[in-house]
PDB file of N, CA and C in Angstrom:
ATOM      1  N   UNK A   1     106.787  74.313 112.012  1.00  0.00           N
ATOM      2  CA  UNK A   1     106.896  75.582 111.368  1.00  0.00           C
ATOM      3  C   UNK A   1     106.765  75.414 109.839  1.00  0.00           C
ATOM      4  N   UNK A   2     106.062  76.327 109.228  1.00  0.00           N
ATOM      5  CA  UNK A   2     105.862  76.283 107.780  1.00  0.00           C
ATOM      6  C   UNK A   2     107.065  76.852 107.013  1.00  0.00           C
ATOM      7  N   UNK A   3     107.351  76.318 105.873  1.00  0.00           N
ATOM      8  CA  UNK A   3     108.458  76.777 105.067  1.00  0.00           C
ATOM      9  C   UNK A   3     108.267  78.220 104.621  1.00  0.00           C
ATOM     10  N   UNK A   4     106.983  78.547 104.252  1.00  0.00           N
ATOM     11  CA  UNK A   4     106.638  79.904 103.859  1.00  0.00           C
ATOM     12  C   UNK A   4     105.686  80.483 104.885  1.00  0.00           C
ATOM     13  N   UNK A   5     105.815  81.748 105.177  1.00  0.00           N
ATOM     14  CA  UNK A   5     104.846  82.410 106.050  1.00  0.00           C
ATOM     15  C   UNK A   5     103.518  82.532 105.333  1.00  0.00           C
ATOM     16  N   UNK A   6     103.539  82.837 104.018  1.00  0.00           N
ATOM     17  CA  UNK A   6     102.342  82.941 103.206  1.00  0.00           C
ATOM     18  C   UNK A   6     102.613  82.210 101.881  1.00  0.00           C
ATOM     19  N   UNK A   7     101.828  81.191 101.638  1.00  0.00           N
ATOM     20  CA  UNK A   7     101.918  80.398 100.373  1.00  0.00           C
ATOM     21  C   UNK A   7     100.632  80.672  99.622  1.00  0.00           C
ATOM     22  N   UNK A   8     100.751  81.423  98.530  1.00  0.00           N
ATOM     23  CA  UNK A   8      99.603  81.869  97.767  1.00  0.00           C
ATOM     24  C   UNK A   8      99.434  81.022  96.519  1.00  0.00           C
ATOM     25  N   UNK A   9      98.214  80.507  96.325  1.00  0.00           N
ATOM     26  CA  UNK A   9      97.858  79.739  95.158  1.00  0.00           C
ATOM     27  C   UNK A   9      96.761  80.417  94.391  1.00  0.00           C
ATOM     28  N   UNK A  10      96.974  80.606  93.102  1.00  0.00           N
ATOM     29  CA  UNK A  10      95.970  81.171  92.178  1.00  0.00           C
ATOM     30  C   UNK A  10      95.322  80.041  91.385  1.00  0.00           C
ATOM     31  N   UNK A  11      94.031  80.062  91.237  1.00  0.00           N
ATOM     32  CA  UNK A  11      93.358  79.133  90.336  1.00  0.00           C
ATOM     33  C   UNK A  11      93.644  79.608  88.922  1.00  0.00           C
ATOM     34  N   UNK A  12      94.353  78.765  88.174  1.00  0.00           N
ATOM     35  CA  UNK A  12      94.679  79.116  86.782  1.00  0.00           C
ATOM     36  C   UNK A  12      94.195  78.012  85.841  1.00  0.00           C
ATOM     37  N   UNK A  13      93.173  77.330  86.256  1.00  0.00           N
ATOM     38  CA  UNK A  13      92.623  76.277  85.420  1.00  0.00           C
ATOM     39  C   UNK A  13      91.951  76.817  84.190  1.00  0.00           C
ATOM     40  N   UNK A  14      92.029  76.046  83.116  1.00  0.00           N
ATOM     41  CA  UNK A  14      91.286  76.369  81.878  1.00  0.00           C
ATOM     42  C   UNK A  14      90.369  75.218  81.615  1.00  0.00           C
ATOM     43  N   UNK A  15      89.062  75.502  81.603  1.00  0.00           N
ATOM     44  CA  UNK A  15      88.075  74.455  81.341  1.00  0.00           C
ATOM     45  C   UNK A  15      87.931  74.263  79.808  1.00  0.00           C
ATOM     46  N   UNK A  16      88.180  73.066  79.395  1.00  0.00           N
ATOM     47  CA  UNK A  16      88.081  72.707  77.969  1.00  0.00           C
ATOM     48  C   UNK A  16      86.643  72.714  77.471  1.00  0.00           C
ATOM     49  N   UNK A  17      85.677  72.522  78.385  1.00  0.00           N
ATOM     50  CA  UNK A  17      84.266  72.446  77.958  1.00  0.00           C
ATOM     51  C   UNK A  17      83.627  73.789  77.787  1.00  0.00           C
ATOM     52  N   UNK A  18      84.386  74.888  77.993  1.00  0.00           N
ATOM     53  CA  UNK A  18      83.862  76.224  77.783  1.00  0.00           C
ATOM     54  C   UNK A  18      83.132  76.813  79.007  1.00  0.00           C
ATOM     55  N   UNK A  19      82.974  76.017  80.065  1.00  0.00           N
ATOM     56  CA  UNK A  19      82.334  76.558  81.254  1.00  0.00           C
ATOM     57  C   UNK A  19      83.233  77.621  81.897  1.00  0.00           C
ATOM     58  N   UNK A  20      82.600  78.473  82.727  1.00  0.00           N
ATOM     59  CA  UNK A  20      83.296  79.543  83.362  1.00  0.00           C
ATOM     60  C   UNK A  20      84.488  79.001  84.169  1.00  0.00           C
ATOM     61  N   UNK A  21      85.623  79.714  84.070  1.00  0.00           N
ATOM     62  CA  UNK A  21      86.796  79.354  84.852  1.00  0.00           C
ATOM     63  C   UNK A  21      87.525  80.646  85.207  1.00  0.00           C
ATOM     64  N   UNK A  22      88.364  80.559  86.213  1.00  0.00           N
ATOM     65  CA  UNK A  22      89.066  81.748  86.708  1.00  0.00           C
ATOM     66  C   UNK A  22      90.002  82.373  85.665  1.00  0.00           C
ATOM     67  N   UNK A  23      90.582  81.558  84.810  1.00  0.00           N
ATOM     68  CA  UNK A  23      91.458  82.099  83.777  1.00  0.00           C
ATOM     69  C   UNK A  23      90.725  83.017  82.834  1.00  0.00           C
ATOM     70  N   UNK A  24      89.467  82.686  82.521  1.00  0.00           N
ATOM     71  CA  UNK A  24      88.647  83.565  81.650  1.00  0.00           C
ATOM     72  C   UNK A  24      88.407  84.911  82.289  1.00  0.00           C
ATOM     73  N   UNK A  25      88.540  85.004  83.614  1.00  0.00           N
ATOM     74  CA  UNK A  25      88.283  86.237  84.355  1.00  0.00           C
ATOM     75  C   UNK A  25      89.553  86.987  84.718  1.00  0.00           C
ATOM     76  N   UNK A  26      90.678  86.648  84.058  1.00  0.00           N
ATOM     77  CA  UNK A  26      91.897  87.427  84.226  1.00  0.00           C
ATOM     78  C   UNK A  26      92.842  86.975  85.312  1.00  0.00           C
ATOM     79  N   UNK A  27      92.681  85.748  85.820  1.00  0.00           N
ATOM     80  CA  UNK A  27      93.536  85.307  86.926  1.00  0.00           C
ATOM     81  C   UNK A  27      95.019  85.207  86.513  1.00  0.00           C
ATOM     82  N   UNK A  28      95.293  84.832  85.272  1.00  0.00           N
ATOM     83  CA  UNK A  28      96.701  84.686  84.814  1.00  0.00           C
ATOM     84  C   UNK A  28      97.441  86.023  84.896  1.00  0.00           C
ATOM     85  N   UNK A  29      96.797  87.066  84.392  1.00  0.00           N
ATOM     86  CA  UNK A  29      97.412  88.404  84.391  1.00  0.00           C
ATOM     87  C   UNK A  29      97.681  88.869  85.855  1.00  0.00           C
ATOM     88  N   UNK A  30      96.730  88.620  86.752  1.00  0.00           N
ATOM     89  CA  UNK A  30      96.893  89.067  88.120  1.00  0.00           C
ATOM     90  C   UNK A  30      97.842  88.173  88.921  1.00  0.00           C
ATOM     91  N   UNK A  31      97.930  86.917  88.555  1.00  0.00           N
ATOM     92  CA  UNK A  31      98.940  86.025  89.094  1.00  0.00           C
ATOM     93  C   UNK A  31     100.360  86.588  88.801  1.00  0.00           C
ATOM     94  N   UNK A  32     100.575  86.933  87.524  1.00  0.00           N
ATOM     95  CA  UNK A  32     101.851  87.490  87.144  1.00  0.00           C
ATOM     96  C   UNK A  32     102.122  88.847  87.849  1.00  0.00           C
ATOM     97  N   UNK A  33     101.071  89.619  87.992  1.00  0.00           N
ATOM     98  CA  UNK A  33     101.227  90.903  88.701  1.00  0.00           C
ATOM     99  C   UNK A  33     101.654  90.670  90.124  1.00  0.00           C
ATOM    100  N   UNK A  34     100.993  89.742  90.835  1.00  0.00           N
ATOM    101  CA  UNK A  34     101.346  89.487  92.241  1.00  0.00           C
ATOM    102  C   UNK A  34     102.758  88.961  92.360  1.00  0.00           C
ATOM    103  N   UNK A  35     103.136  88.022  91.502  1.00  0.00           N
ATOM    104  CA  UNK A  35     104.490  87.475  91.539  1.00  0.00           C
ATOM    105  C   UNK A  35     105.520  88.608  91.394  1.00  0.00           C
ATOM    106  N   UNK A  36     105.285  89.503  90.453  1.00  0.00           N
ATOM    107  CA  UNK A  36     106.163  90.596  90.209  1.00  0.00           C
ATOM    108  C   UNK A  36     106.246  91.557  91.393  1.00  0.00           C
ATOM    109  N   UNK A  37     105.112  91.825  91.973  1.00  0.00           N
ATOM    110  CA  UNK A  37     105.011  92.728  93.105  1.00  0.00           C
ATOM    111  C   UNK A  37     105.743  92.159  94.330  1.00  0.00           C
ATOM    112  N   UNK A  38     105.541  90.888  94.608  1.00  0.00           N
ATOM    113  CA  UNK A  38     106.193  90.196  95.745  1.00  0.00           C
ATOM    114  C   UNK A  38     107.697  90.243  95.512  1.00  0.00           C
ATOM    115  N   UNK A  39     108.143  89.997  94.303  1.00  0.00           N
ATOM    116  CA  UNK A  39     109.563  90.036  93.990  1.00  0.00           C
ATOM    117  C   UNK A  39     110.122  91.438  94.182  1.00  0.00           C
ATOM    118  N   UNK A  40     109.415  92.451  93.729  1.00  0.00           N
ATOM    119  CA  UNK A  40     109.869  93.838  93.849  1.00  0.00           C
ATOM    120  C   UNK A  40     109.961  94.287  95.297  1.00  0.00           C
ATOM    121  N   UNK A  41     109.089  93.734  96.142  1.00  0.00           N
ATOM    122  CA  UNK A  41     109.142  94.031  97.567  1.00  0.00           C
ATOM    123  C   UNK A  41     110.197  93.228  98.324  1.00  0.00           C
ATOM    124  N   UNK A  42     110.857  92.313  97.604  1.00  0.00           N
ATOM    125  CA  UNK A  42     111.902  91.488  98.181  1.00  0.00           C
ATOM    126  C   UNK A  42     111.395  90.682  99.401  1.00  0.00           C
ATOM    127  N   UNK A  43     110.201  90.090  99.244  1.00  0.00           N
ATOM    128  CA  UNK A  43     109.638  89.291 100.330  1.00  0.00           C
ATOM    129  C   UNK A  43     109.319  87.870  99.883  1.00  0.00           C
ATOM    130  N   UNK A  44     110.033  87.382  98.901  1.00  0.00           N
ATOM    131  CA  UNK A  44     109.782  86.014  98.450  1.00  0.00           C
ATOM    132  C   UNK A  44     110.891  85.100  98.961  1.00  0.00           C
ATOM    133  N   UNK A  45     110.497  83.851  99.163  1.00  0.00           N
ATOM    134  CA  UNK A  45     111.479  82.859  99.605  1.00  0.00           C
ATOM    135  C   UNK A  45     111.158  82.277 100.952  1.00  0.00           C
ATOM    136  N   UNK A  46     112.059  81.436 101.443  1.00  0.00           N
ATOM    137  CA  UNK A  46     111.873  80.716 102.725  1.00  0.00           C
ATOM    138  C   UNK A  46     111.554  81.713 103.855  1.00  0.00           C
ATOM    139  N   UNK A  47     110.530  81.357 104.580  1.00  0.00           N
ATOM    140  CA  UNK A  47     110.099  82.171 105.712  1.00  0.00           C
ATOM    141  C   UNK A  47     109.311  83.404 105.346  1.00  0.00           C
ATOM    142  N   UNK A  48     109.092  83.571 104.045  1.00  0.00           N
ATOM    143  CA  UNK A  48     108.370  84.749 103.572  1.00  0.00           C
ATOM    144  C   UNK A  48     107.221  84.352 102.697  1.00  0.00           C
ATOM    145  N   UNK A  49     107.222  84.702 101.430  1.00  0.00           N
ATOM    146  CA  UNK A  49     106.076  84.514 100.554  1.00  0.00           C
ATOM    147  C   UNK A  49     106.451  83.708  99.317  1.00  0.00           C
ATOM    148  N   UNK A  50     105.555  82.830  98.877  1.00  0.00           N
ATOM    149  CA  UNK A  50     105.680  82.084  97.650  1.00  0.00           C
ATOM    150  C   UNK A  50     104.327  82.187  96.933  1.00  0.00           C
ATOM    151  N   UNK A  51     104.369  82.527  95.633  1.00  0.00           N
ATOM    152  CA  UNK A  51     103.126  82.655  94.815  1.00  0.00           C
ATOM    153  C   UNK A  51     103.219  81.528  93.769  1.00  0.00           C
ATOM    154  N   UNK A  52     102.199  80.652  93.784  1.00  0.00           N
ATOM    155  CA  UNK A  52     102.177  79.494  92.886  1.00  0.00           C
ATOM    156  C   UNK A  52     100.931  79.411  92.062  1.00  0.00           C
ATOM    157  N   UNK A  53     101.079  78.699  90.942  1.00  0.00           N
ATOM    158  CA  UNK A  53      99.912  78.307  90.103  1.00  0.00           C
ATOM    159  C   UNK A  53      99.191  77.184  90.811  1.00  0.00           C
ATOM    160  N   UNK A  54      97.892  77.236  90.695  1.00  0.00           N
ATOM    161  CA  UNK A  54      97.085  76.151  91.195  1.00  0.00           C
ATOM    162  C   UNK A  54      96.214  75.624  90.070  1.00  0.00           C
ATOM    163  N   UNK A  55      95.746  74.404  90.210  1.00  0.00           N
ATOM    164  CA  UNK A  55      94.766  73.842  89.274  1.00  0.00           C
ATOM    165  C   UNK A  55      93.417  74.343  89.662  1.00  0.00           C
ATOM    166  N   UNK A  56      92.402  73.590  89.256  1.00  0.00           N
ATOM    167  CA  UNK A  56      91.038  73.983  89.513  1.00  0.00           C
ATOM    168  C   UNK A  56      90.705  73.881  91.014  1.00  0.00           C
ATOM    169  N   UNK A  57      90.107  74.909  91.544  1.00  0.00           N
ATOM    170  CA  UNK A  57      89.652  74.929  92.930  1.00  0.00           C
ATOM    171  C   UNK A  57      88.183  74.446  93.060  1.00  0.00           C
ATOM    172  N   UNK A  58      87.597  74.224  91.905  1.00  0.00           N
ATOM    173  CA  UNK A  58      86.198  73.750  91.821  1.00  0.00           C
ATOM    174  C   UNK A  58      85.214  74.737  92.460  1.00  0.00           C
ATOM    175  N   UNK A  59      85.535  75.996  92.327  1.00  0.00           N
ATOM    176  CA  UNK A  59      84.658  77.102  92.837  1.00  0.00           C
ATOM    177  C   UNK A  59      84.589  78.197  91.801  1.00  0.00           C
ATOM    178  N   UNK A  60      84.565  77.847  90.535  1.00  0.00           N
ATOM    179  CA  UNK A  60      84.681  78.774  89.434  1.00  0.00           C
ATOM    180  C   UNK A  60      83.601  79.888  89.463  1.00  0.00           C
ATOM    181  N   UNK A  61      82.426  79.577  89.913  1.00  0.00           N
ATOM    182  CA  UNK A  61      81.365  80.554  89.936  1.00  0.00           C
ATOM    183  C   UNK A  61      81.646  81.686  90.913  1.00  0.00           C
ATOM    184  N   UNK A  62      82.613  81.470  91.813  1.00  0.00           N
ATOM    185  CA  UNK A  62      82.952  82.493  92.818  1.00  0.00           C
ATOM    186  C   UNK A  62      84.196  83.295  92.424  1.00  0.00           C
ATOM    187  N   UNK A  63      84.818  82.964  91.310  1.00  0.00           N
ATOM    188  CA  UNK A  63      86.130  83.467  90.990  1.00  0.00           C
ATOM    189  C   UNK A  63      86.170  84.797  90.273  1.00  0.00           C
ATOM    190  N   UNK A  64      87.392  85.202  89.965  1.00  0.00           N
ATOM    191  CA  UNK A  64      88.598  84.462  90.120  1.00  0.00           C
ATOM    192  C   UNK A  64      89.036  84.409  91.594  1.00  0.00           C
ATOM    193  N   UNK A  65      89.791  83.348  91.908  1.00  0.00           N
ATOM    194  CA  UNK A  65      90.097  83.061  93.309  1.00  0.00           C
ATOM    195  C   UNK A  65      91.591  82.814  93.509  1.00  0.00           C
ATOM    196  N   UNK A  66      92.019  83.155  94.743  1.00  0.00           N
ATOM    197  CA  UNK A  66      93.299  82.734  95.255  1.00  0.00           C
ATOM    198  C   UNK A  66      93.102  82.310  96.689  1.00  0.00           C
ATOM    199  N   UNK A  67      93.994  81.476  97.179  1.00  0.00           N
ATOM    200  CA  UNK A  67      93.939  81.049  98.567  1.00  0.00           C
ATOM    201  C   UNK A  67      95.335  81.161  99.164  1.00  0.00           C
ATOM    202  N   UNK A  68      95.379  81.603 100.402  1.00  0.00           N
ATOM    203  CA  UNK A  68      96.681  81.794 101.088  1.00  0.00           C
ATOM    204  C   UNK A  68      96.773  80.829 102.257  1.00  0.00           C
ATOM    205  N   UNK A  69      97.809  80.006 102.222  1.00  0.00           N
ATOM    206  CA  UNK A  69      98.094  79.057 103.285  1.00  0.00           C
ATOM    207  C   UNK A  69      99.298  79.545 104.059  1.00  0.00           C
ATOM    208  N   UNK A  70      99.473  79.173 105.299  1.00  0.00           N
ATOM    209  CA  UNK A  70      98.780  78.124 106.015  1.00  0.00           C
ATOM    210  C   UNK A  70      97.441  78.531 106.613  1.00  0.00           C
ATOM    211  N   UNK A  71      97.066  79.803 106.498  1.00  0.00           N
ATOM    212  CA  UNK A  71      95.827  80.293 107.111  1.00  0.00           C
ATOM    213  C   UNK A  71      94.584  79.709 106.443  1.00  0.00           C
ATOM    214  N   UNK A  72      94.657  79.386 105.173  1.00  0.00           N
ATOM    215  CA  UNK A  72      93.495  78.872 104.436  1.00  0.00           C
ATOM    216  C   UNK A  72      92.459  79.945 104.167  1.00  0.00           C
ATOM    217  N   UNK A  73      92.968  81.133 103.868  1.00  0.00           N
ATOM    218  CA  UNK A  73      92.089  82.313 103.598  1.00  0.00           C
ATOM    219  C   UNK A  73      91.877  82.392 102.098  1.00  0.00           C
ATOM    220  N   UNK A  74      90.589  82.403 101.676  1.00  0.00           N
ATOM    221  CA  UNK A  74      90.231  82.468 100.260  1.00  0.00           C
ATOM    222  C   UNK A  74      89.804  83.900  99.912  1.00  0.00           C
ATOM    223  N   UNK A  75      90.315  84.389  98.766  1.00  0.00           N
ATOM    224  CA  UNK A  75      89.960  85.712  98.278  1.00  0.00           C
ATOM    225  C   UNK A  75      89.455  85.661  96.834  1.00  0.00           C
ATOM    226  N   UNK A  76      88.522  86.520  96.571  1.00  0.00           N
ATOM    227  CA  UNK A  76      88.054  86.824  95.216  1.00  0.00           C
ATOM    228  C   UNK A  76      88.736  88.169  94.851  1.00  0.00           C
ATOM    229  N   UNK A  77      89.140  88.350  93.632  1.00  0.00           N
ATOM    230  CA  UNK A  77      89.812  89.560  93.211  1.00  0.00           C
ATOM    231  C   UNK A  77      89.358  89.938  91.807  1.00  0.00           C
ATOM    232  N   UNK A  78      89.483  91.205  91.488  1.00  0.00           N
ATOM    233  CA  UNK A  78      89.036  91.696  90.162  1.00  0.00           C
ATOM    234  C   UNK A  78      90.205  92.351  89.416  1.00  0.00           C
ATOM    235  N   UNK A  79      91.015  93.126  90.134  1.00  0.00           N
ATOM    236  CA  UNK A  79      92.006  93.922  89.468  1.00  0.00           C
ATOM    237  C   UNK A  79      93.255  94.090  90.323  1.00  0.00           C
ATOM    238  N   UNK A  80      94.225  94.853  89.810  1.00  0.00           N
ATOM    239  CA  UNK A  80      95.483  95.082  90.511  1.00  0.00           C
ATOM    240  C   UNK A  80      95.312  95.743  91.873  1.00  0.00           C
ATOM    241  N   UNK A  81      94.297  96.614  91.993  1.00  0.00           N
ATOM    242  CA  UNK A  81      94.009  97.246  93.254  1.00  0.00           C
ATOM    243  C   UNK A  81      93.664  96.226  94.347  1.00  0.00           C
ATOM    244  N   UNK A  82      92.903  95.183  93.960  1.00  0.00           N
ATOM    245  CA  UNK A  82      92.560  94.129  94.912  1.00  0.00           C
ATOM    246  C   UNK A  82      93.799  93.354  95.317  1.00  0.00           C
ATOM    247  N   UNK A  83      94.650  93.041  94.359  1.00  0.00           N
ATOM    248  CA  UNK A  83      95.884  92.319  94.688  1.00  0.00           C
ATOM    249  C   UNK A  83      96.784  93.152  95.588  1.00  0.00           C
ATOM    250  N   UNK A  84      96.896  94.461  95.300  1.00  0.00           N
ATOM    251  CA  UNK A  84      97.685  95.337  96.153  1.00  0.00           C
ATOM    252  C   UNK A  84      97.124  95.368  97.584  1.00  0.00           C
ATOM    253  N   UNK A  85      95.805  95.375  97.698  1.00  0.00           N
ATOM    254  CA  UNK A  85      95.196  95.401  99.048  1.00  0.00           C
ATOM    255  C   UNK A  85      95.471  94.083  99.776  1.00  0.00           C
ATOM    256  N   UNK A  86      95.414  92.962  99.074  1.00  0.00           N
ATOM    257  CA  UNK A  86      95.736  91.679  99.702  1.00  0.00           C
ATOM    258  C   UNK A  86      97.191  91.645 100.167  1.00  0.00           C
ATOM    259  N   UNK A  87      98.082  92.156  99.332  1.00  0.00           N
ATOM    260  CA  UNK A  87      99.495  92.216  99.722  1.00  0.00           C
ATOM    261  C   UNK A  87      99.677  93.118 100.939  1.00  0.00           C
ATOM    262  N   UNK A  88      99.149  94.318 100.855  1.00  0.00           N
ATOM    263  CA  UNK A  88      99.352  95.293 101.942  1.00  0.00           C
ATOM    264  C   UNK A  88      98.689  94.891 103.237  1.00  0.00           C
ATOM    265  N   UNK A  89      97.451  94.432 103.160  1.00  0.00           N
ATOM    266  CA  UNK A  89      96.697  94.127 104.380  1.00  0.00           C
ATOM    267  C   UNK A  89      97.005  92.728 104.917  1.00  0.00           C
ATOM    268  N   UNK A  90      96.880  91.718 104.059  1.00  0.00           N
ATOM    269  CA  UNK A  90      97.029  90.332 104.559  1.00  0.00           C
ATOM    270  C   UNK A  90      98.529  89.955 104.701  1.00  0.00           C
ATOM    271  N   UNK A  91      99.280  90.126 103.647  1.00  0.00           N
ATOM    272  CA  UNK A  91     100.664  89.615 103.685  1.00  0.00           C
ATOM    273  C   UNK A  91     101.580  90.504 104.519  1.00  0.00           C
ATOM    274  N   UNK A  92     101.503  91.816 104.371  1.00  0.00           N
ATOM    275  CA  UNK A  92     102.397  92.705 105.087  1.00  0.00           C
ATOM    276  C   UNK A  92     101.916  93.036 106.514  1.00  0.00           C
ATOM    277  N   UNK A  93     100.617  93.233 106.657  1.00  0.00           N
ATOM    278  CA  UNK A  93     100.098  93.687 107.975  1.00  0.00           C
ATOM    279  C   UNK A  93      99.387  92.575 108.779  1.00  0.00           C
ATOM    280  N   UNK A  94      99.104  91.422 108.152  1.00  0.00           N
ATOM    281  CA  UNK A  94      98.512  90.324 108.864  1.00  0.00           C
ATOM    282  C   UNK A  94      96.985  90.447 109.092  1.00  0.00           C
ATOM    283  N   UNK A  95      96.330  91.286 108.330  1.00  0.00           N
ATOM    284  CA  UNK A  95      94.892  91.485 108.461  1.00  0.00           C
ATOM    285  C   UNK A  95      94.148  91.031 107.226  1.00  0.00           C
ATOM    286  N   UNK A  96      93.094  90.234 107.417  1.00  0.00           N
ATOM    287  CA  UNK A  96      92.301  89.779 106.299  1.00  0.00           C
ATOM    288  C   UNK A  96      91.621  90.961 105.602  1.00  0.00           C
ATOM    289  N   UNK A  97      91.419  90.824 104.318  1.00  0.00           N
ATOM    290  CA  UNK A  97      90.694  91.870 103.556  1.00  0.00           C
ATOM    291  C   UNK A  97      89.235  91.411 103.496  1.00  0.00           C
ATOM    292  N   UNK A  98      88.437  91.872 104.424  1.00  0.00           N
ATOM    293  CA  UNK A  98      87.082  91.348 104.604  1.00  0.00           C
ATOM    294  C   UNK A  98      86.255  91.466 103.359  1.00  0.00           C
ATOM    295  N   UNK A  99      86.350  92.540 102.609  1.00  0.00           N
ATOM    296  CA  UNK A  99      85.504  92.730 101.449  1.00  0.00           C
ATOM    297  C   UNK A  99      85.759  91.745 100.302  1.00  0.00           C
ATOM    298  N   UNK A 100      86.947  91.100 100.338  1.00  0.00           N
ATOM    299  CA  UNK A 100      87.321  90.146  99.276  1.00  0.00           C
ATOM    300  C   UNK A 100      87.240  88.698  99.687  1.00  0.00           C
ATOM    301  N   UNK A 101      86.873  88.448 100.950  1.00  0.00           N
ATOM    302  CA  UNK A 101      86.822  87.074 101.429  1.00  0.00           C
ATOM    303  C   UNK A 101      85.716  86.271 100.737  1.00  0.00           C
ATOM    304  N   UNK A 102      85.991  85.024 100.476  1.00  0.00           N
ATOM    305  CA  UNK A 102      85.018  84.092  99.896  1.00  0.00           C
ATOM    306  C   UNK A 102      84.510  83.238 101.030  1.00  0.00           C
TER     307      UNK A 102
END
């Protein structure tokens, strides 16, 4: 059994060479938004949800990205509406958000 039902990792890498990275596309702001939202829904912790920083996923051209384990589902997101949809559909209802899948 997994410690968390959903373990969410956001790519928050910053490329020093100036190449495209998820952080340049707003991943930090939306990481903070998701953490806050999960906390406000009171669904964080053992057996529930954990939202973590991740390093480079080496898929920057597809980003910004997050991945949810243990399912290994990768999502691209643009704004808070996308994050809300991932929370509502994937985390709360157990359904992948097809339009955001990578």
